[in-house]
């Protein structure tokens, strides 16, 4: 009985040690998080996309998105957040926000609903992006110059290593085969020097 108890304790210690090593191997990074810039909050009095034209001087910094805030009383109508871009890492979002405010949007702020986390959840394997370009200056980025492979492909910007990197989609290793055999040739046929790059 004593031998069995000792064996059980040793097994439990081994399991605990394995779990600890696994936890230590997962190092958190600022690039585990994706942010957007809330440019404005508007009421639903006309088609949402019609508001986007009011922010044409921001179109080079990212795509526009909307997030619905539902209200339940006539006094509090439905509102929409006008959101700009998808930015990998807080330091990237900070730089974009500074530029947005410089262009006159003093009430803009960094925003995240917590849904775009690539850390210790289902997104933990997403470590690659299709890099479209890298620029020393934000003024050189101009995301409007990039064609989208399809309507579901999302463009991301990351500031890392002294450069603003533009990615057309972020991917896990199991998705890279189709990216390399379909997306890369498609873009290269259009004269664009794209390649798969690890971003974290």
N, C-alpha and C. Protein backbone atom coordinates (compact mmCIF):
# COMPACT_ATOMS: atom_id res chain seq x y z
N UNK A 1 0.83 -1.21 0.00
CA UNK A 1 0.00 0.00 0.00
C UNK A 1 0.86 1.26 0.00
N UNK A 2 1.94 1.23 0.84
CA UNK A 2 2.83 2.38 0.93
C UNK A 2 3.53 2.65 -0.40
N UNK A 3 3.96 1.55 -1.07
CA UNK A 3 4.63 1.70 -2.37
C UNK A 3 3.68 2.31 -3.40
N UNK A 4 2.43 1.89 -3.38
CA UNK A 4 1.42 2.39 -4.33
C UNK A 4 1.19 3.88 -4.10
N UNK A 5 1.14 4.29 -2.83
CA UNK A 5 0.93 5.70 -2.50
C UNK A 5 2.09 6.56 -3.01
N UNK A 6 3.31 6.07 -2.81
CA UNK A 6 4.49 6.80 -3.26
C UNK A 6 4.49 6.93 -4.78
N UNK A 7 4.12 5.85 -5.46
CA UNK A 7 4.06 5.88 -6.93
C UNK A 7 3.04 6.91 -7.41
N UNK A 8 1.89 6.96 -6.74
CA UNK A 8 0.85 7.91 -7.10
C UNK A 8 1.33 9.34 -6.93
N UNK A 9 2.02 9.61 -5.83
CA UNK A 9 2.54 10.95 -5.56
C UNK A 9 3.55 11.36 -6.62
N UNK A 10 4.42 10.43 -7.00
CA UNK A 10 5.43 10.71 -8.04
C UNK A 10 4.77 11.05 -9.37
N UNK A 11 3.72 10.29 -9.72
CA UNK A 11 2.99 10.53 -10.97
C UNK A 11 2.35 11.91 -10.97
N UNK A 12 1.76 12.28 -9.83
CA UNK A 12 1.12 13.59 -9.72
C UNK A 12 2.14 14.72 -9.84
N UNK A 13 3.31 14.52 -9.24
CA UNK A 13 4.36 15.52 -9.34
C UNK A 13 4.86 15.67 -10.77
N UNK A 14 4.96 14.56 -11.48
CA UNK A 14 5.38 14.60 -12.89
C UNK A 14 4.39 15.35 -13.75
N UNK A 15 3.10 15.10 -13.51
CA UNK A 15 2.05 15.79 -14.26
C UNK A 15 2.08 17.28 -13.98
N UNK A 16 2.26 17.64 -12.71
CA UNK A 16 2.31 19.05 -12.32
C UNK A 16 3.50 19.74 -12.97
N UNK A 17 4.63 19.06 -13.00
CA UNK A 17 5.84 19.62 -13.61
C UNK A 17 5.67 19.82 -15.11
N UNK A 18 5.01 18.87 -15.77
CA UNK A 18 4.75 18.99 -17.21
C UNK A 18 3.86 20.18 -17.50
N UNK A 19 2.81 20.36 -16.70
CA UNK A 19 1.89 21.49 -16.88
C UNK A 19 2.60 22.81 -16.66
N UNK A 20 3.51 22.85 -15.66
CA UNK A 20 4.26 24.07 -15.38
C UNK A 20 5.18 24.43 -16.54
N UNK A 21 5.87 23.44 -17.09
CA UNK A 21 6.77 23.68 -18.21
C UNK A 21 6.00 24.18 -19.43
N UNK A 22 4.82 23.61 -19.64
CA UNK A 22 4.00 24.03 -20.78
C UNK A 22 3.54 25.47 -20.61
N UNK A 23 3.14 25.81 -19.40
CA UNK A 23 2.69 27.18 -19.12
C UNK A 23 3.83 28.18 -19.31
N UNK A 24 5.04 27.79 -18.90
CA UNK A 24 6.17 28.68 -19.03
C UNK A 24 6.58 28.87 -20.49
N UNK A 25 6.29 27.86 -21.32
CA UNK A 25 6.66 27.94 -22.74
C UNK A 25 5.77 28.89 -23.52
N UNK A 26 4.58 29.22 -22.95
CA UNK A 26 3.66 30.16 -23.60
C UNK A 26 3.96 31.56 -23.08
N UNK A 27 4.74 32.31 -23.79
CA UNK A 27 5.12 33.64 -23.35
C UNK A 27 4.20 34.67 -23.97
N UNK A 28 3.62 35.48 -23.10
CA UNK A 28 2.70 36.50 -23.59
C UNK A 28 3.46 37.59 -24.32
N UNK A 29 2.84 38.10 -25.38
CA UNK A 29 3.44 39.15 -26.19
C UNK A 29 2.41 40.25 -26.40
N UNK A 30 2.89 41.48 -26.59
CA UNK A 30 1.95 42.56 -26.88
C UNK A 30 1.24 42.31 -28.20
N UNK A 31 1.84 41.50 -29.06
CA UNK A 31 1.24 41.22 -30.36
C UNK A 31 0.19 40.11 -30.28
N UNK A 32 -0.16 39.70 -29.06
CA UNK A 32 -1.27 38.77 -28.86
C UNK A 32 -2.61 39.50 -28.97
N UNK A 33 -2.57 40.83 -29.06
CA UNK A 33 -3.80 41.62 -29.01
C UNK A 33 -3.92 42.53 -30.22
N UNK A 34 -5.15 42.63 -30.72
CA UNK A 34 -5.43 43.47 -31.87
C UNK A 34 -6.41 44.56 -31.46
N UNK A 35 -6.11 45.78 -31.89
CA UNK A 35 -6.90 46.94 -31.48
C UNK A 35 -7.45 47.67 -32.70
N UNK A 36 -8.46 48.52 -32.43
CA UNK A 36 -8.99 49.42 -33.44
C UNK A 36 -9.02 50.82 -32.85
N UNK A 37 -9.26 51.80 -33.71
CA UNK A 37 -9.38 53.18 -33.25
C UNK A 37 -10.84 53.60 -33.40
N UNK A 38 -11.47 53.98 -32.30
CA UNK A 38 -12.83 54.51 -32.37
C UNK A 38 -12.74 55.98 -32.75
N UNK A 39 -13.22 56.28 -33.95
CA UNK A 39 -13.15 57.64 -34.47
C UNK A 39 -14.35 58.46 -34.02
N UNK A 40 -15.53 57.81 -33.98
CA UNK A 40 -16.75 58.52 -33.61
C UNK A 40 -17.83 57.54 -33.16
N UNK A 41 -18.85 58.08 -32.53
CA UNK A 41 -20.03 57.32 -32.13
C UNK A 41 -21.23 58.04 -32.71
N UNK A 42 -21.98 57.36 -33.62
CA UNK A 42 -23.07 58.04 -34.34
C UNK A 42 -24.39 57.30 -34.15
N UNK A 43 -25.50 58.05 -34.25
CA UNK A 43 -26.82 57.44 -34.14
C UNK A 43 -27.22 56.86 -35.48
N UNK A 44 -28.15 55.91 -35.47
CA UNK A 44 -28.54 55.19 -36.68
C UNK A 44 -29.66 55.93 -37.43
N UNK A 45 -29.34 57.12 -37.92
CA UNK A 45 -30.33 57.92 -38.63
C UNK A 45 -30.23 57.78 -40.14
N UNK A 46 -29.14 57.23 -40.61
CA UNK A 46 -28.96 57.00 -42.04
C UNK A 46 -28.01 55.83 -42.21
N UNK A 47 -27.89 55.26 -43.42
CA UNK A 47 -27.01 54.10 -43.61
C UNK A 47 -25.62 54.35 -43.04
N UNK A 48 -25.14 53.37 -42.29
CA UNK A 48 -23.88 53.53 -41.56
C UNK A 48 -22.72 53.90 -42.46
N UNK A 49 -22.61 53.22 -43.61
CA UNK A 49 -21.45 53.47 -44.49
C UNK A 49 -21.42 54.90 -45.02
N UNK A 50 -22.58 55.58 -45.00
CA UNK A 50 -22.59 56.96 -45.48
C UNK A 50 -21.80 57.88 -44.55
N UNK A 51 -21.60 57.45 -43.31
CA UNK A 51 -20.79 58.24 -42.39
C UNK A 51 -19.31 58.17 -42.74
N UNK A 52 -18.90 57.06 -43.34
CA UNK A 52 -17.47 56.84 -43.59
C UNK A 52 -16.85 57.93 -44.46
N UNK A 53 -17.65 58.50 -45.36
CA UNK A 53 -17.11 59.52 -46.25
C UNK A 53 -16.68 60.76 -45.48
N UNK A 54 -17.14 60.89 -44.23
CA UNK A 54 -16.74 62.04 -43.42
C UNK A 54 -15.31 61.93 -42.91
N UNK A 55 -14.73 60.74 -43.10
CA UNK A 55 -13.39 60.50 -42.55
C UNK A 55 -12.40 60.10 -43.64
N UNK A 56 -12.56 60.70 -44.81
CA UNK A 56 -11.71 60.35 -45.95
C UNK A 56 -10.23 60.56 -45.68
N UNK A 57 -9.91 61.51 -44.83
CA UNK A 57 -8.49 61.78 -44.57
C UNK A 57 -7.85 60.76 -43.64
N UNK A 58 -8.62 59.69 -43.30
CA UNK A 58 -8.07 58.60 -42.49
C UNK A 58 -7.98 57.29 -43.26
N UNK A 59 -8.45 57.30 -44.49
CA UNK A 59 -8.55 56.06 -45.25
C UNK A 59 -7.20 55.41 -45.55
N UNK A 60 -6.14 56.18 -45.50
CA UNK A 60 -4.82 55.61 -45.76
C UNK A 60 -4.28 54.85 -44.56
N UNK A 61 -4.94 55.00 -43.39
CA UNK A 61 -4.46 54.37 -42.15
C UNK A 61 -5.13 53.04 -41.84
N UNK A 62 -6.19 52.71 -42.56
CA UNK A 62 -6.87 51.45 -42.29
C UNK A 62 -8.27 51.42 -42.87
N UNK A 63 -8.88 50.24 -42.82
CA UNK A 63 -10.25 50.07 -43.28
C UNK A 63 -11.22 50.55 -42.21
N UNK A 64 -12.43 50.89 -42.62
CA UNK A 64 -13.47 51.28 -41.67
C UNK A 64 -14.35 50.08 -41.34
N UNK A 65 -14.74 50.01 -40.07
CA UNK A 65 -15.67 48.99 -39.58
C UNK A 65 -16.70 49.69 -38.70
N UNK A 66 -17.78 48.99 -38.41
CA UNK A 66 -18.77 49.52 -37.48
C UNK A 66 -19.11 48.47 -36.42
N UNK A 67 -19.45 48.96 -35.25
CA UNK A 67 -19.85 48.09 -34.14
C UNK A 67 -21.16 48.64 -33.60
N UNK A 68 -22.20 47.81 -33.58
CA UNK A 68 -23.53 48.26 -33.19
C UNK A 68 -23.68 48.28 -31.67
N UNK A 69 -24.21 49.37 -31.16
CA UNK A 69 -24.58 49.48 -29.75
C UNK A 69 -26.10 49.56 -29.71
N UNK A 70 -26.76 48.49 -29.32
CA UNK A 70 -28.22 48.45 -29.33
C UNK A 70 -28.79 49.10 -28.07
N UNK A 71 -29.79 49.95 -28.27
CA UNK A 71 -30.51 50.57 -27.16
C UNK A 71 -31.97 50.10 -27.23
N UNK A 72 -32.67 50.14 -26.13
CA UNK A 72 -34.00 49.55 -26.08
C UNK A 72 -35.13 50.56 -25.90
N UNK A 73 -34.84 51.83 -25.88
CA UNK A 73 -35.89 52.83 -25.70
C UNK A 73 -35.79 53.88 -26.80
N UNK A 74 -36.92 54.53 -27.14
CA UNK A 74 -36.90 55.57 -28.17
C UNK A 74 -35.95 56.71 -27.81
N UNK A 75 -35.79 56.96 -26.52
CA UNK A 75 -34.90 58.04 -26.08
C UNK A 75 -33.43 57.70 -26.32
N UNK A 76 -33.16 56.41 -26.41
CA UNK A 76 -31.78 55.95 -26.63
C UNK A 76 -31.73 55.10 -27.90
N UNK A 77 -31.69 55.73 -29.07
CA UNK A 77 -31.68 54.97 -30.33
C UNK A 77 -30.39 54.19 -30.50
N UNK A 78 -30.45 53.25 -31.44
CA UNK A 78 -29.26 52.45 -31.75
C UNK A 78 -28.13 53.35 -32.23
N UNK A 79 -26.93 53.06 -31.75
CA UNK A 79 -25.76 53.83 -32.16
C UNK A 79 -24.71 52.89 -32.75
N UNK A 80 -23.80 53.49 -33.49
CA UNK A 80 -22.72 52.73 -34.10
C UNK A 80 -21.37 53.37 -33.79
N UNK A 81 -20.41 52.52 -33.44
CA UNK A 81 -19.04 53.00 -33.33
C UNK A 81 -18.43 52.99 -34.73
N UNK A 82 -17.82 54.06 -35.12
CA UNK A 82 -17.06 54.11 -36.36
C UNK A 82 -15.63 53.75 -35.99
N UNK A 83 -15.20 52.59 -36.45
CA UNK A 83 -13.89 52.05 -36.07
C UNK A 83 -12.94 52.03 -37.25
N UNK A 84 -11.70 52.35 -36.97
CA UNK A 84 -10.67 52.39 -38.01
C UNK A 84 -9.66 51.29 -37.78
N UNK A 85 -9.43 50.49 -38.85
CA UNK A 85 -8.32 49.55 -38.89
C UNK A 85 -8.34 48.38 -37.95
N UNK A 86 -7.31 47.55 -38.12
CA UNK A 86 -6.97 46.46 -37.20
C UNK A 86 -5.47 46.55 -36.98
N UNK A 87 -5.08 46.82 -35.73
CA UNK A 87 -3.68 47.10 -35.42
C UNK A 87 -3.12 46.06 -34.45
N UNK A 88 -2.03 45.44 -34.83
CA UNK A 88 -1.44 44.36 -34.05
C UNK A 88 -0.52 44.95 -32.98
N UNK A 89 -0.93 44.85 -31.73
CA UNK A 89 -0.11 45.34 -30.63
C UNK A 89 -0.50 46.74 -30.19
N UNK A 90 -0.39 46.97 -28.88
CA UNK A 90 -0.76 48.27 -28.30
C UNK A 90 0.14 49.39 -28.80
N UNK A 91 1.43 49.11 -28.96
CA UNK A 91 2.34 50.16 -29.43
C UNK A 91 1.97 50.62 -30.84
N UNK A 92 1.47 49.70 -31.66
CA UNK A 92 1.01 50.08 -33.00
C UNK A 92 -0.20 50.98 -32.90
N UNK A 93 -1.18 50.57 -32.09
CA UNK A 93 -2.41 51.36 -31.92
C UNK A 93 -2.10 52.75 -31.36
N UNK A 94 -1.15 52.84 -30.45
CA UNK A 94 -0.77 54.14 -29.88
C UNK A 94 -0.27 55.08 -30.97
N UNK A 95 0.54 54.55 -31.87
CA UNK A 95 1.09 55.38 -32.94
C UNK A 95 0.00 55.82 -33.92
N UNK A 96 -0.91 54.92 -34.23
CA UNK A 96 -2.01 55.26 -35.15
C UNK A 96 -2.91 56.30 -34.50
N UNK A 97 -3.22 56.11 -33.21
CA UNK A 97 -4.08 57.06 -32.50
C UNK A 97 -3.46 58.46 -32.51
N UNK A 98 -2.17 58.56 -32.28
CA UNK A 98 -1.50 59.87 -32.29
C UNK A 98 -1.66 60.55 -33.64
N UNK A 99 -1.56 59.77 -34.72
CA UNK A 99 -1.72 60.33 -36.06
C UNK A 99 -3.17 60.75 -36.32
N UNK A 100 -4.12 59.93 -35.86
CA UNK A 100 -5.55 60.26 -36.03
C UNK A 100 -5.87 61.58 -35.31
N UNK A 101 -5.38 61.74 -34.10
CA UNK A 101 -5.63 62.98 -33.35
C UNK A 101 -4.94 64.17 -34.02
N UNK A 102 -3.77 63.92 -34.57
CA UNK A 102 -3.04 64.98 -35.28
C UNK A 102 -3.85 65.48 -36.46
N UNK A 103 -4.68 64.61 -37.04
CA UNK A 103 -5.49 64.99 -38.19
C UNK A 103 -6.83 65.59 -37.80
N UNK A 104 -7.01 65.85 -36.52
CA UNK A 104 -8.19 66.60 -36.09
C UNK A 104 -9.24 65.86 -35.28
N UNK A 105 -9.04 64.56 -35.05
CA UNK A 105 -10.05 63.77 -34.33
C UNK A 105 -9.62 63.63 -32.86
N UNK A 106 -9.82 64.70 -32.12
CA UNK A 106 -9.31 64.79 -30.75
C UNK A 106 -9.98 63.81 -29.79
N UNK A 107 -11.20 63.37 -30.10
CA UNK A 107 -11.93 62.46 -29.20
C UNK A 107 -11.70 60.99 -29.54
N UNK A 108 -10.90 60.72 -30.54
CA UNK A 108 -10.62 59.33 -30.93
C UNK A 108 -9.93 58.60 -29.78
N UNK A 109 -10.14 57.29 -29.73
CA UNK A 109 -9.52 56.50 -28.66
C UNK A 109 -9.26 55.09 -29.15
N UNK A 110 -8.38 54.39 -28.47
CA UNK A 110 -8.12 52.99 -28.77
C UNK A 110 -9.27 52.16 -28.25
N UNK A 111 -9.69 51.17 -29.03
CA UNK A 111 -10.85 50.37 -28.64
C UNK A 111 -10.63 48.90 -28.97
N UNK A 112 -11.14 48.04 -28.12
CA UNK A 112 -11.12 46.60 -28.37
C UNK A 112 -12.26 45.97 -27.61
N UNK A 113 -12.98 45.06 -28.25
CA UNK A 113 -14.07 44.35 -27.57
C UNK A 113 -13.58 43.06 -26.94
N UNK A 114 -12.26 42.82 -27.02
CA UNK A 114 -11.70 41.60 -26.44
C UNK A 114 -11.82 40.39 -27.35
N UNK A 115 -12.44 40.58 -28.51
CA UNK A 115 -12.65 39.46 -29.41
C UNK A 115 -11.48 39.17 -30.32
N UNK A 116 -10.51 40.08 -30.36
CA UNK A 116 -9.38 39.91 -31.27
C UNK A 116 -8.11 39.61 -30.50
N UNK A 117 -8.16 38.57 -29.70
CA UNK A 117 -7.00 38.16 -28.92
C UNK A 117 -6.37 36.92 -29.54
N UNK A 118 -5.08 36.96 -29.70
CA UNK A 118 -4.36 35.86 -30.32
C UNK A 118 -3.50 35.13 -29.30
N UNK A 119 -3.74 35.37 -28.05
CA UNK A 119 -2.90 34.81 -27.00
C UNK A 119 -3.18 33.37 -26.66
N UNK A 120 -3.69 33.11 -25.49
CA UNK A 120 -3.82 31.74 -24.98
C UNK A 120 -5.20 31.16 -25.25
N UNK A 121 -5.75 31.46 -26.40
CA UNK A 121 -7.08 30.95 -26.76
C UNK A 121 -6.98 30.23 -28.11
N UNK A 122 -8.06 30.24 -28.85
CA UNK A 122 -8.04 29.57 -30.15
C UNK A 122 -7.11 30.26 -31.14
N UNK A 123 -6.70 31.48 -30.83
CA UNK A 123 -5.82 32.20 -31.75
C UNK A 123 -4.35 32.03 -31.46
N UNK A 124 -4.01 31.15 -30.52
CA UNK A 124 -2.60 31.03 -30.10
C UNK A 124 -1.67 30.57 -31.22
N UNK A 125 -2.23 29.89 -32.23
CA UNK A 125 -1.39 29.39 -33.33
C UNK A 125 -1.28 30.38 -34.48
N UNK A 126 -2.00 31.49 -34.41
CA UNK A 126 -1.96 32.48 -35.48
C UNK A 126 -0.69 33.31 -35.33
N UNK A 127 0.31 33.00 -36.13
CA UNK A 127 1.62 33.64 -35.99
C UNK A 127 2.18 34.18 -37.30
N UNK A 128 1.43 34.02 -38.40
CA UNK A 128 1.94 34.40 -39.70
C UNK A 128 0.98 35.37 -40.40
N UNK A 129 1.54 36.20 -41.26
CA UNK A 129 0.73 37.10 -42.06
C UNK A 129 1.28 37.16 -43.48
N UNK A 130 0.44 37.55 -44.42
CA UNK A 130 0.89 37.76 -45.79
C UNK A 130 1.34 39.22 -45.87
N UNK A 131 2.65 39.42 -45.83
CA UNK A 131 3.18 40.78 -45.77
C UNK A 131 3.14 41.44 -47.15
N UNK A 132 2.51 42.62 -47.17
CA UNK A 132 2.37 43.37 -48.41
C UNK A 132 3.46 44.42 -48.57
N UNK A 133 3.98 44.89 -47.43
CA UNK A 133 5.01 45.91 -47.48
C UNK A 133 5.46 46.30 -46.08
N UNK A 134 6.58 47.01 -45.99
CA UNK A 134 7.10 47.51 -44.73
C UNK A 134 7.65 48.91 -44.98
N UNK A 135 7.32 49.85 -44.08
CA UNK A 135 7.65 51.25 -44.31
C UNK A 135 8.19 51.90 -43.04
N UNK A 136 9.17 52.77 -43.21
CA UNK A 136 9.73 53.50 -42.08
C UNK A 136 8.78 54.57 -41.56
N UNK A 137 8.01 55.15 -42.48
CA UNK A 137 7.10 56.24 -42.11
C UNK A 137 5.64 55.81 -42.30
N UNK A 138 4.80 56.23 -41.38
CA UNK A 138 3.37 55.92 -41.48
C UNK A 138 2.75 56.57 -42.71
N UNK A 139 3.29 57.70 -43.11
CA UNK A 139 2.77 58.39 -44.29
C UNK A 139 2.97 57.60 -45.58
N UNK A 140 3.85 56.61 -45.55
CA UNK A 140 4.12 55.79 -46.73
C UNK A 140 3.19 54.59 -46.84
N UNK A 141 2.47 54.28 -45.77
CA UNK A 141 1.69 53.04 -45.72
C UNK A 141 0.56 53.02 -46.75
N UNK A 142 -0.36 53.95 -46.65
CA UNK A 142 -1.49 54.08 -47.58
C UNK A 142 -2.14 52.75 -47.95
N UNK A 143 -2.96 52.22 -47.07
CA UNK A 143 -3.56 50.89 -47.25
C UNK A 143 -4.47 50.81 -48.47
N UNK A 144 -4.89 51.95 -49.00
CA UNK A 144 -5.78 51.94 -50.17
C UNK A 144 -5.11 51.39 -51.42
N UNK A 145 -3.80 51.31 -51.41
CA UNK A 145 -3.10 50.82 -52.60
C UNK A 145 -3.15 49.31 -52.73
N UNK A 146 -3.65 48.62 -51.71
CA UNK A 146 -3.62 47.16 -51.71
C UNK A 146 -4.97 46.54 -52.08
N UNK A 147 -4.95 45.69 -53.08
CA UNK A 147 -6.15 44.96 -53.47
C UNK A 147 -6.44 43.86 -52.45
N UNK A 148 -7.72 43.61 -52.20
CA UNK A 148 -8.08 42.53 -51.30
C UNK A 148 -8.32 41.26 -52.11
N UNK A 149 -7.81 40.17 -51.60
CA UNK A 149 -7.94 38.89 -52.29
C UNK A 149 -9.42 38.50 -52.41
N UNK A 150 -10.18 38.72 -51.35
CA UNK A 150 -11.64 38.53 -51.38
C UNK A 150 -12.23 39.44 -50.31
N UNK A 151 -13.55 39.50 -50.26
CA UNK A 151 -14.22 40.45 -49.37
C UNK A 151 -14.02 40.13 -47.89
N UNK A 152 -13.61 38.90 -47.58
CA UNK A 152 -13.44 38.50 -46.18
C UNK A 152 -12.02 38.71 -45.67
N UNK A 153 -11.10 39.01 -46.57
CA UNK A 153 -9.71 39.21 -46.15
C UNK A 153 -9.57 40.55 -45.44
N UNK A 154 -8.93 40.54 -44.28
CA UNK A 154 -8.79 41.75 -43.48
C UNK A 154 -7.33 42.20 -43.47
N UNK A 155 -7.15 43.51 -43.57
CA UNK A 155 -5.83 44.10 -43.59
C UNK A 155 -5.42 44.53 -42.18
N UNK A 156 -4.18 44.25 -41.81
CA UNK A 156 -3.65 44.58 -40.49
C UNK A 156 -2.37 45.40 -40.63
N UNK A 157 -2.12 46.25 -39.64
CA UNK A 157 -0.87 46.99 -39.58
C UNK A 157 -0.19 46.68 -38.25
N UNK A 158 1.11 46.48 -38.32
CA UNK A 158 1.91 46.22 -37.12
C UNK A 158 3.17 47.09 -37.15
N UNK A 159 3.46 47.75 -36.03
CA UNK A 159 4.71 48.49 -35.92
C UNK A 159 5.68 47.63 -35.13
N UNK A 160 6.77 47.25 -35.78
CA UNK A 160 7.74 46.36 -35.13
C UNK A 160 9.10 46.53 -35.79
N UNK A 161 10.14 46.57 -34.99
CA UNK A 161 11.49 46.69 -35.53
C UNK A 161 11.73 47.97 -36.30
N UNK A 162 11.03 49.04 -35.91
CA UNK A 162 11.23 50.32 -36.56
C UNK A 162 10.51 50.49 -37.88
N UNK A 163 9.57 49.59 -38.20
CA UNK A 163 8.85 49.68 -39.48
C UNK A 163 7.37 49.37 -39.29
N UNK A 164 6.56 49.99 -40.14
CA UNK A 164 5.13 49.69 -40.20
C UNK A 164 4.94 48.58 -41.24
N UNK A 165 4.47 47.43 -40.78
CA UNK A 165 4.28 46.30 -41.68
C UNK A 165 2.79 46.12 -41.97
N UNK A 166 2.50 45.90 -43.24
CA UNK A 166 1.11 45.72 -43.67
C UNK A 166 0.90 44.25 -44.02
N UNK A 167 -0.10 43.63 -43.39
CA UNK A 167 -0.41 42.23 -43.63
C UNK A 167 -1.82 42.09 -44.19
N UNK A 168 -1.96 41.24 -45.18
CA UNK A 168 -3.29 40.92 -45.72
C UNK A 168 -3.70 39.59 -45.12
N UNK A 169 -4.29 39.64 -43.94
CA UNK A 169 -4.71 38.44 -43.23
C UNK A 169 -3.64 37.91 -42.30
N UNK A 170 -4.09 37.28 -41.19
CA UNK A 170 -3.21 36.61 -40.24
C UNK A 170 -3.60 35.14 -40.20
N UNK A 171 -2.61 34.24 -40.10
CA UNK A 171 -2.89 32.83 -40.31
C UNK A 171 -2.14 31.92 -39.35
N UNK A 172 -2.75 30.76 -39.11
CA UNK A 172 -2.09 29.67 -38.37
C UNK A 172 -1.34 28.80 -39.39
N UNK A 173 -0.39 27.99 -38.93
CA UNK A 173 0.40 27.17 -39.87
C UNK A 173 -0.44 26.30 -40.80
N UNK A 174 -1.56 25.76 -40.30
CA UNK A 174 -2.37 24.87 -41.13
C UNK A 174 -3.08 25.61 -42.27
N UNK A 175 -3.07 26.94 -42.26
CA UNK A 175 -3.70 27.71 -43.33
C UNK A 175 -2.70 28.20 -44.37
N UNK A 176 -1.42 27.99 -44.11
CA UNK A 176 -0.39 28.58 -44.96
C UNK A 176 -0.31 27.95 -46.35
N UNK A 177 -0.69 26.69 -46.46
CA UNK A 177 -0.59 26.02 -47.77
C UNK A 177 -1.42 26.76 -48.82
N UNK A 178 -2.67 27.08 -48.47
CA UNK A 178 -3.53 27.77 -49.43
C UNK A 178 -3.08 29.21 -49.65
N UNK A 179 -2.52 29.84 -48.62
CA UNK A 179 -2.01 31.20 -48.77
C UNK A 179 -0.87 31.21 -49.79
N UNK A 180 0.05 30.24 -49.67
CA UNK A 180 1.23 30.19 -50.55
C UNK A 180 0.89 29.76 -51.97
N UNK A 181 -0.11 28.88 -52.12
CA UNK A 181 -0.42 28.36 -53.46
C UNK A 181 -1.50 29.16 -54.18
N UNK A 182 -2.26 29.94 -53.45
CA UNK A 182 -3.35 30.69 -54.07
C UNK A 182 -3.16 32.21 -53.97
N UNK A 183 -3.01 32.71 -52.75
CA UNK A 183 -2.93 34.15 -52.57
C UNK A 183 -1.63 34.74 -53.09
N UNK A 184 -0.50 34.12 -52.74
CA UNK A 184 0.80 34.67 -53.16
C UNK A 184 0.90 34.77 -54.68
N UNK A 185 0.59 33.70 -55.45
CA UNK A 185 0.65 33.82 -56.92
C UNK A 185 -0.31 34.88 -57.46
N UNK A 186 -1.48 34.98 -56.85
CA UNK A 186 -2.49 35.97 -57.29
C UNK A 186 -1.94 37.38 -57.19
N UNK A 187 -1.31 37.68 -56.07
CA UNK A 187 -0.75 39.03 -55.88
C UNK A 187 0.48 39.25 -56.75
N UNK A 188 1.30 38.23 -56.90
CA UNK A 188 2.51 38.40 -57.69
C UNK A 188 2.21 38.60 -59.17
N UNK A 189 1.12 38.00 -59.63
CA UNK A 189 0.70 38.22 -61.01
C UNK A 189 0.32 39.68 -61.24
N UNK A 190 -0.03 40.36 -60.17
CA UNK A 190 -0.41 41.76 -60.25
C UNK A 190 0.78 42.67 -59.96
N UNK A 191 1.97 42.06 -59.89
CA UNK A 191 3.19 42.83 -59.72
C UNK A 191 3.53 43.20 -58.30
N UNK A 192 2.91 42.54 -57.33
CA UNK A 192 3.16 42.87 -55.92
C UNK A 192 4.10 41.84 -55.30
N UNK A 193 5.13 42.31 -54.61
CA UNK A 193 6.13 41.44 -54.00
C UNK A 193 5.69 41.05 -52.58
N UNK A 194 4.81 40.09 -52.50
CA UNK A 194 4.28 39.67 -51.19
C UNK A 194 4.97 38.37 -50.75
N UNK A 195 4.95 38.13 -49.44
CA UNK A 195 5.52 36.89 -48.92
C UNK A 195 4.96 36.62 -47.53
N UNK A 196 5.01 35.37 -47.12
CA UNK A 196 4.53 34.98 -45.79
C UNK A 196 5.60 35.34 -44.78
N UNK A 197 5.20 36.01 -43.71
CA UNK A 197 6.13 36.47 -42.70
C UNK A 197 5.58 36.18 -41.29
N UNK A 198 6.43 35.71 -40.42
CA UNK A 198 6.03 35.51 -39.03
C UNK A 198 5.99 36.87 -38.33
N UNK A 199 4.88 37.17 -37.64
CA UNK A 199 4.76 38.48 -37.02
C UNK A 199 4.89 38.44 -35.50
N UNK A 200 4.94 37.24 -34.91
CA UNK A 200 5.14 37.13 -33.46
C UNK A 200 5.66 35.75 -33.11
